[in-house]
Amino acid sequence: MTGGRPLRPPWAGPLGLHHPGDSLVHRAPAALKLALLAVTGVVVVLPVGPAAAVGGLALVVVATALARVPWHRTTRGLLPVLVTAAALGAYQTWARGPARGTEVALDLLTLVLAGTLVTVTTRADDLLAVVARAARPLRHVGLPPETVSLTVGLFLRTVPVLVHVTGEARDAARARGLERDPRAVVVPAAVRMVGHARTTGDALAARGLTD
């Protein structure tokens, strides 16, 4: 509790947090899940029609059910995605017809839910190990794969920190009656994120990872 109000729970972004389990989806290799996610990303950009989009979304929902992951783990934080999907769907409906609008909205939702399923059923270390292996060819152009993996890991950890810091700044502004003043939210959040970045940089430098 802080000032009589419950502490804001941590949020991991729309991709969720790892939820341990022993389902078939959990036991599948991380490389396979990332490959299937990449295939899903390619398929959703193809104009295959709303019926196929509904089928793809249904497959992801079924896979999530088979993984026995609590639904709050996969649906928390999806409101911005739903709003974006609705907006894109509305625009595509106006520009290219209702079939295309429905397909675009469902495809976006499918891709986000598929990404959520991968991260919820796979440990972050396993995902980053796959990224490092996939980046091995970059070693020939002077970019160590460990650096690529570290960059991805830092990004994944920074997104929820940004959301959490912004939420706290918004709560503080609301407590002062300044919720309508963008500066009361943006400035404190920016200052804290700069501090977070400096702390992260100092930690990396102390480990010799910034050379």
C-alpha atoms as a PDB file:
ATOM      1  CA  MET A   1       0.000   0.000   0.000  1.00  0.00           C
ATOM      2  CA  THR A   2       1.183   3.547  -0.782  1.00  0.00           C
ATOM      3  CA  GLY A   3      -0.718   6.507   0.692  1.00  0.00           C
ATOM      4  CA  GLY A   4      -3.761   4.294   1.254  1.00  0.00           C
ATOM      5  CA  ARG A   5      -3.765   3.086  -2.366  1.00  0.00           C
ATOM      6  CA  PRO A   6      -2.706  -0.417  -3.486  1.00  0.00           C
ATOM      7  CA  LEU A   7       0.587  -0.634  -5.326  1.00  0.00           C
ATOM      8  CA  ARG A   8       0.265  -0.730  -9.096  1.00  0.00           C
ATOM      9  CA  PRO A   9       0.928  -4.334 -10.207  1.00  0.00           C
ATOM     10  CA  PRO A  10       3.760  -4.835 -12.675  1.00  0.00           C
ATOM     11  CA  TRP A  11       2.717  -5.099 -16.297  1.00  0.00           C
ATOM     12  CA  ALA A  12       4.748  -6.907 -18.914  1.00  0.00           C
ATOM     13  CA  GLY A  13       3.212  -5.330 -21.981  1.00  0.00           C
ATOM     14  CA  PRO A  14       0.869  -7.082 -24.415  1.00  0.00           C
ATOM     15  CA  LEU A  15       3.286 -10.027 -24.676  1.00  0.00           C
ATOM     16  CA  GLY A  16       2.770 -11.044 -21.074  1.00  0.00           C
ATOM     17  CA  LEU A  17       5.011 -12.886 -18.624  1.00  0.00           C
ATOM     18  CA  HIS A  18       6.221 -16.481 -18.675  1.00  0.00           C
ATOM     19  CA  HIS A  19       3.774 -18.845 -17.002  1.00  0.00           C
ATOM     20  CA  PRO A  20       5.381 -22.228 -16.158  1.00  0.00           C
ATOM     21  CA  GLY A  21       3.576 -25.361 -17.246  1.00  0.00           C
ATOM     22  CA  ASP A  22       3.984 -28.855 -18.672  1.00  0.00           C
ATOM     23  CA  SER A  23       1.610 -28.660 -21.636  1.00  0.00           C
ATOM     24  CA  LEU A  24       2.610 -29.678 -25.146  1.00  0.00           C
ATOM     25  CA  VAL A  25       2.925 -26.007 -26.053  1.00  0.00           C
ATOM     26  CA  HIS A  26       5.255 -25.395 -23.108  1.00  0.00           C
ATOM     27  CA  ARG A  27       7.434 -28.370 -24.029  1.00  0.00           C
ATOM     28  CA  ALA A  28       7.771 -27.400 -27.691  1.00  0.00           C
ATOM     29  CA  PRO A  29      11.256 -26.068 -28.569  1.00  0.00           C
ATOM     30  CA  ALA A  30      11.594 -22.303 -28.428  1.00  0.00           C
ATOM     31  CA  ALA A  31      13.044 -22.283 -31.947  1.00  0.00           C
ATOM     32  CA  LEU A  32       9.963 -24.075 -33.295  1.00  0.00           C
ATOM     33  CA  LYS A  33       7.606 -21.650 -31.593  1.00  0.00           C
ATOM     34  CA  LEU A  34       9.495 -18.642 -32.916  1.00  0.00           C
ATOM     35  CA  ALA A  35       9.529 -20.162 -36.403  1.00  0.00           C
ATOM     36  CA  LEU A  36       5.765 -20.713 -36.271  1.00  0.00           C
ATOM     37  CA  LEU A  37       5.325 -17.161 -35.035  1.00  0.00           C
ATOM     38  CA  ALA A  38       7.367 -15.899 -37.991  1.00  0.00           C
ATOM     39  CA  VAL A  39       5.223 -17.943 -40.362  1.00  0.00           C
ATOM     40  CA  THR A  40       2.130 -16.487 -38.729  1.00  0.00           C
ATOM     41  CA  GLY A  41       3.533 -13.010 -39.282  1.00  0.00           C
ATOM     42  CA  VAL A  42       4.018 -13.745 -42.984  1.00  0.00           C
ATOM     43  CA  VAL A  43       0.591 -15.321 -43.411  1.00  0.00           C
ATOM     44  CA  VAL A  44      -1.306 -12.458 -41.787  1.00  0.00           C
ATOM     45  CA  VAL A  45      -0.024  -9.975 -44.365  1.00  0.00           C
ATOM     46  CA  LEU A  46      -1.368 -12.071 -47.225  1.00  0.00           C
ATOM     47  CA  PRO A  47      -4.896 -11.223 -48.446  1.00  0.00           C
ATOM     48  CA  VAL A  48      -6.443 -14.637 -47.799  1.00  0.00           C
ATOM     49  CA  GLY A  49      -9.914 -13.467 -46.810  1.00  0.00           C
ATOM     50  CA  PRO A  50     -11.876 -13.038 -43.556  1.00  0.00           C
ATOM     51  CA  ALA A  51     -12.765 -16.730 -43.286  1.00  0.00           C
ATOM     52  CA  ALA A  52      -9.079 -17.685 -43.119  1.00  0.00           C
ATOM     53  CA  ALA A  53      -8.478 -14.861 -40.626  1.00  0.00           C
ATOM     54  CA  VAL A  54     -11.208 -16.252 -38.376  1.00  0.00           C
ATOM     55  CA  GLY A  55      -9.649 -19.709 -38.681  1.00  0.00           C
ATOM     56  CA  GLY A  56      -6.203 -18.381 -37.745  1.00  0.00           C
ATOM     57  CA  LEU A  57      -7.567 -16.592 -34.699  1.00  0.00           C
ATOM     58  CA  ALA A  58      -9.458 -19.736 -33.682  1.00  0.00           C
ATOM     59  CA  LEU A  59      -6.257 -21.809 -33.928  1.00  0.00           C
ATOM     60  CA  VAL A  60      -4.390 -19.411 -31.647  1.00  0.00           C
ATOM     61  CA  VAL A  61      -7.249 -19.419 -29.135  1.00  0.00           C
ATOM     62  CA  VAL A  62      -7.335 -23.241 -29.163  1.00  0.00           C
ATOM     63  CA  ALA A  63      -3.548 -23.414 -28.725  1.00  0.00           C
ATOM     64  CA  THR A  64      -3.805 -21.033 -25.774  1.00  0.00           C
ATOM     65  CA  ALA A  65      -6.500 -23.222 -24.222  1.00  0.00           C
ATOM     66  CA  LEU A  66      -4.345 -26.341 -24.748  1.00  0.00           C
ATOM     67  CA  ALA A  67      -1.447 -24.577 -23.029  1.00  0.00           C
ATOM     68  CA  ARG A  68      -3.701 -24.158 -19.973  1.00  0.00           C
ATOM     69  CA  VAL A  69      -2.535 -20.575 -19.515  1.00  0.00           C
ATOM     70  CA  PRO A  70      -4.799 -18.364 -17.364  1.00  0.00           C
ATOM     71  CA  TRP A  71      -6.676 -16.061 -19.703  1.00  0.00           C
ATOM     72  CA  HIS A  72      -5.775 -12.979 -17.681  1.00  0.00           C
ATOM     73  CA  ARG A  73      -2.152 -13.669 -18.654  1.00  0.00           C
ATOM     74  CA  THR A  74      -2.945 -13.400 -22.345  1.00  0.00           C
ATOM     75  CA  THR A  75      -5.672 -10.759 -22.363  1.00  0.00           C
ATOM     76  CA  ARG A  76      -4.265  -8.249 -19.884  1.00  0.00           C
ATOM     77  CA  GLY A  77      -3.122  -5.108 -21.671  1.00  0.00           C
ATOM     78  CA  LEU A  78      -4.934  -5.986 -24.896  1.00  0.00           C
ATOM     79  CA  LEU A  79      -7.237  -2.964 -24.827  1.00  0.00           C
ATOM     80  CA  PRO A  80      -4.821  -0.772 -26.857  1.00  0.00           C
ATOM     81  CA  VAL A  81      -4.471  -3.620 -29.364  1.00  0.00           C
ATOM     82  CA  LEU A  82      -8.245  -3.954 -29.674  1.00  0.00           C
ATOM     83  CA  VAL A  83      -8.601  -0.203 -30.194  1.00  0.00           C
ATOM     84  CA  THR A  84      -5.863  -0.246 -32.846  1.00  0.00           C
ATOM     85  CA  ALA A  85      -7.389  -3.268 -34.568  1.00  0.00           C
ATOM     86  CA  ALA A  86     -10.801  -1.600 -34.604  1.00  0.00           C
ATOM     87  CA  ALA A  87      -9.352   1.609 -36.029  1.00  0.00           C
ATOM     88  CA  LEU A  88      -7.408  -0.218 -38.750  1.00  0.00           C
ATOM     89  CA  GLY A  89     -10.398  -2.374 -39.537  1.00  0.00           C
ATOM     90  CA  ALA A  90     -12.632   0.666 -39.849  1.00  0.00           C
ATOM     91  CA  TYR A  91     -10.186   2.400 -42.176  1.00  0.00           C
ATOM     92  CA  GLN A  92      -9.745  -0.686 -44.355  1.00  0.00           C
ATOM     93  CA  THR A  93     -13.515  -1.127 -44.461  1.00  0.00           C
ATOM     94  CA  TRP A  94     -13.869   2.428 -45.724  1.00  0.00           C
ATOM     95  CA  ALA A  95     -10.984   2.102 -48.194  1.00  0.00           C
ATOM     96  CA  ARG A  96     -11.283  -1.490 -49.423  1.00  0.00           C
ATOM     97  CA  GLY A  97     -14.533  -2.956 -48.157  1.00  0.00           C
ATOM     98  CA  PRO A  98     -15.809  -4.805 -45.078  1.00  0.00           C
ATOM     99  CA  ALA A  99     -14.131  -8.126 -45.980  1.00  0.00           C
ATOM    100  CA  ARG A 100     -10.671  -6.569 -45.994  1.00  0.00           C
ATOM    101  CA  GLY A 101     -11.435  -4.516 -42.895  1.00  0.00           C
ATOM    102  CA  THR A 102     -12.496  -7.590 -40.944  1.00  0.00           C
ATOM    103  CA  GLU A 103      -9.455  -9.521 -42.126  1.00  0.00           C
ATOM    104  CA  VAL A 104      -6.979  -6.803 -41.097  1.00  0.00           C
ATOM    105  CA  ALA A 105      -8.501  -6.412 -37.631  1.00  0.00           C
ATOM    106  CA  LEU A 106      -8.544 -10.165 -36.984  1.00  0.00           C
ATOM    107  CA  ASP A 107      -5.027 -10.639 -38.367  1.00  0.00           C
ATOM    108  CA  LEU A 108      -3.603  -8.030 -35.997  1.00  0.00           C
ATOM    109  CA  LEU A 109      -5.349  -9.610 -33.026  1.00  0.00           C
ATOM    110  CA  THR A 110      -4.140 -13.064 -34.101  1.00  0.00           C
ATOM    111  CA  LEU A 111      -0.526 -11.935 -34.363  1.00  0.00           C
ATOM    112  CA  VAL A 112      -0.540 -10.287 -30.940  1.00  0.00           C
ATOM    113  CA  LEU A 113      -2.193 -13.296 -29.285  1.00  0.00           C
ATOM    114  CA  ALA A 114       0.271 -15.642 -31.008  1.00  0.00           C
ATOM    115  CA  GLY A 115       3.194 -13.562 -29.743  1.00  0.00           C
ATOM    116  CA  THR A 116       1.668 -13.589 -26.276  1.00  0.00           C
ATOM    117  CA  LEU A 117       1.318 -17.367 -26.364  1.00  0.00           C
ATOM    118  CA  VAL A 118       4.990 -17.772 -27.290  1.00  0.00           C
ATOM    119  CA  THR A 119       6.276 -15.524 -24.519  1.00  0.00           C
ATOM    120  CA  VAL A 120       3.882 -16.876 -21.901  1.00  0.00           C
ATOM    121  CA  THR A 121       4.891 -20.499 -22.580  1.00  0.00           C
ATOM    122  CA  THR A 122       8.629 -19.931 -23.138  1.00  0.00           C
ATOM    123  CA  ARG A 123      11.305 -18.736 -20.734  1.00  0.00           C
ATOM    124  CA  ALA A 124      12.954 -15.473 -21.759  1.00  0.00           C
ATOM    125  CA  ASP A 125      16.407 -17.069 -21.562  1.00  0.00           C
ATOM    126  CA  ASP A 126      15.345 -19.720 -24.085  1.00  0.00           C
ATOM    127  CA  LEU A 127      13.974 -17.086 -26.461  1.00  0.00           C
ATOM    128  CA  LEU A 128      17.153 -15.018 -26.237  1.00  0.00           C
ATOM    129  CA  ALA A 129      19.288 -18.114 -26.811  1.00  0.00           C
ATOM    130  CA  VAL A 130      17.403 -18.742 -30.060  1.00  0.00           C
ATOM    131  CA  VAL A 131      17.909 -15.112 -31.080  1.00  0.00           C
ATOM    132  CA  ALA A 132      21.645 -15.431 -30.391  1.00  0.00           C
ATOM    133  CA  ARG A 133      21.898 -18.590 -32.513  1.00  0.00           C
ATOM    134  CA  ALA A 134      19.937 -17.004 -35.342  1.00  0.00           C
ATOM    135  CA  ALA A 135      22.263 -13.983 -35.240  1.00  0.00           C
ATOM    136  CA  ARG A 136      25.457 -16.022 -35.594  1.00  0.00           C
ATOM    137  CA  PRO A 137      25.922 -15.111 -39.288  1.00  0.00           C
ATOM    138  CA  LEU A 138      26.192 -11.463 -38.207  1.00  0.00           C
ATOM    139  CA  ARG A 139      29.508 -12.312 -36.574  1.00  0.00           C
ATOM    140  CA  HIS A 140      31.041 -12.197 -40.057  1.00  0.00           C
ATOM    141  CA  VAL A 141      30.185  -8.492 -40.348  1.00  0.00           C
ATOM    142  CA  GLY A 142      31.565  -7.652 -36.912  1.00  0.00           C
ATOM    143  CA  LEU A 143      28.350  -7.861 -34.874  1.00  0.00           C
ATOM    144  CA  PRO A 144      28.557 -10.442 -32.062  1.00  0.00           C
ATOM    145  CA  PRO A 145      25.336 -12.468 -31.720  1.00  0.00           C
ATOM    146  CA  GLU A 146      25.516 -11.982 -27.946  1.00  0.00           C
ATOM    147  CA  THR A 147      25.120  -8.236 -28.533  1.00  0.00           C
ATOM    148  CA  VAL A 148      21.985  -8.823 -30.593  1.00  0.00           C
ATOM    149  CA  SER A 149      20.559 -11.073 -27.897  1.00  0.00           C
ATOM    150  CA  LEU A 150      21.407  -8.536 -25.200  1.00  0.00           C
ATOM    151  CA  THR A 151      19.747  -5.745 -27.186  1.00  0.00           C
ATOM    152  CA  VAL A 152      16.543  -7.750 -27.594  1.00  0.00           C
ATOM    153  CA  GLY A 153      16.568  -8.635 -23.908  1.00  0.00           C
ATOM    154  CA  LEU A 154      17.011  -5.013 -22.858  1.00  0.00           C
ATOM    155  CA  PHE A 155      14.166  -3.963 -25.141  1.00  0.00           C
ATOM    156  CA  LEU A 156      11.814  -6.577 -23.705  1.00  0.00           C
ATOM    157  CA  ARG A 157      12.656  -5.466 -20.180  1.00  0.00           C
ATOM    158  CA  THR A 158      12.406  -1.744 -20.933  1.00  0.00           C
ATOM    159  CA  VAL A 159       8.879  -1.790 -22.360  1.00  0.00           C
ATOM    160  CA  PRO A 160       7.157  -2.855 -19.101  1.00  0.00           C
ATOM    161  CA  VAL A 161       9.380  -0.448 -17.127  1.00  0.00           C
ATOM    162  CA  LEU A 162       8.238   2.413 -19.372  1.00  0.00           C
ATOM    163  CA  VAL A 163       4.584   1.472 -18.944  1.00  0.00           C
ATOM    164  CA  HIS A 164       4.983   1.136 -15.168  1.00  0.00           C
ATOM    165  CA  VAL A 165       6.795   4.474 -14.818  1.00  0.00           C
ATOM    166  CA  THR A 166       4.211   6.259 -16.975  1.00  0.00           C
ATOM    167  CA  GLY A 167       1.389   4.778 -14.912  1.00  0.00           C
ATOM    168  CA  GLU A 168       2.981   5.953 -11.667  1.00  0.00           C
ATOM    169  CA  ALA A 169       3.545   9.435 -13.108  1.00  0.00           C
ATOM    170  CA  ARG A 170      -0.098   9.568 -14.208  1.00  0.00           C
ATOM    171  CA  ASP A 171      -1.252   8.513 -10.723  1.00  0.00           C
ATOM    172  CA  ALA A 172       0.938  11.183  -9.117  1.00  0.00           C
ATOM    173  CA  ALA A 173      -0.409  13.837 -11.494  1.00  0.00           C
ATOM    174  CA  ARG A 174      -3.976  12.779 -10.753  1.00  0.00           C
ATOM    175  CA  ALA A 175      -3.315  13.017  -7.013  1.00  0.00           C
ATOM    176  CA  ARG A 176      -2.231  16.648  -7.532  1.00  0.00           C
ATOM    177  CA  GLY A 177      -5.217  17.422  -9.735  1.00  0.00           C
ATOM    178  CA  LEU A 178      -2.990  17.772 -12.818  1.00  0.00           C
ATOM    179  CA  GLU A 179      -4.224  14.795 -14.811  1.00  0.00           C
ATOM    180  CA  ARG A 180      -5.139  17.105 -17.728  1.00  0.00           C
ATOM    181  CA  ASP A 181      -1.635  18.596 -17.921  1.00  0.00           C
ATOM    182  CA  PRO A 182       0.560  16.399 -20.193  1.00  0.00           C
ATOM    183  CA  ARG A 183       3.725  17.903 -18.722  1.00  0.00           C
ATOM    184  CA  ALA A 184       2.823  16.563 -15.282  1.00  0.00           C
ATOM    185  CA  VAL A 185       3.042  13.046 -16.721  1.00  0.00           C
ATOM    186  CA  VAL A 186       5.630  13.293 -19.495  1.00  0.00           C
ATOM    187  CA  VAL A 187       8.353  15.192 -17.619  1.00  0.00           C
ATOM    188  CA  PRO A 188       8.543  12.966 -14.492  1.00  0.00           C
ATOM    189  CA  ALA A 189       8.295   9.815 -16.617  1.00  0.00           C
ATOM    190  CA  ALA A 190      11.052  11.051 -18.947  1.00  0.00           C
ATOM    191  CA  VAL A 191      13.320  11.901 -16.015  1.00  0.00           C
ATOM    192  CA  ARG A 192      12.843   8.475 -14.469  1.00  0.00           C
ATOM    193  CA  MET A 193      13.420   6.697 -17.785  1.00  0.00           C
ATOM    194  CA  VAL A 194      16.654   8.645 -18.308  1.00  0.00           C
ATOM    195  CA  GLY A 195      17.712   7.568 -14.830  1.00  0.00           C
ATOM    196  CA  HIS A 196      16.809   3.975 -15.664  1.00  0.00           C
ATOM    197  CA  ALA A 197      18.832   4.165 -18.888  1.00  0.00           C
ATOM    198  CA  ARG A 198      21.870   5.557 -17.072  1.00  0.00           C
ATOM    199  CA  THR A 199      21.647   2.888 -14.394  1.00  0.00           C
ATOM    200  CA  THR A 200      21.426   0.191 -17.051  1.00  0.00           C
ATOM    201  CA  GLY A 201      24.364   1.683 -18.944  1.00  0.00           C
ATOM    202  CA  ASP A 202      26.479   1.844 -15.774  1.00  0.00           C
ATOM    203  CA  ALA A 203      25.658  -1.797 -15.017  1.00  0.00           C
ATOM    204  CA  LEU A 204      26.651  -2.863 -18.535  1.00  0.00           C
ATOM    205  CA  ALA A 205      29.861  -0.839 -18.357  1.00  0.00           C
ATOM    206  CA  ALA A 206      30.749  -2.422 -15.015  1.00  0.00           C
ATOM    207  CA  ARG A 207      30.523  -5.813 -16.691  1.00  0.00           C
ATOM    208  CA  GLY A 208      32.570  -4.714 -19.668  1.00  0.00           C
ATOM    209  CA  LEU A 209      29.640  -5.085 -22.076  1.00  0.00           C
ATOM    210  CA  THR A 210      29.813  -1.633 -23.647  1.00  0.00           C
ATOM    211  CA  ASP A 211      33.222  -1.908 -25.271  1.00  0.00           C
END
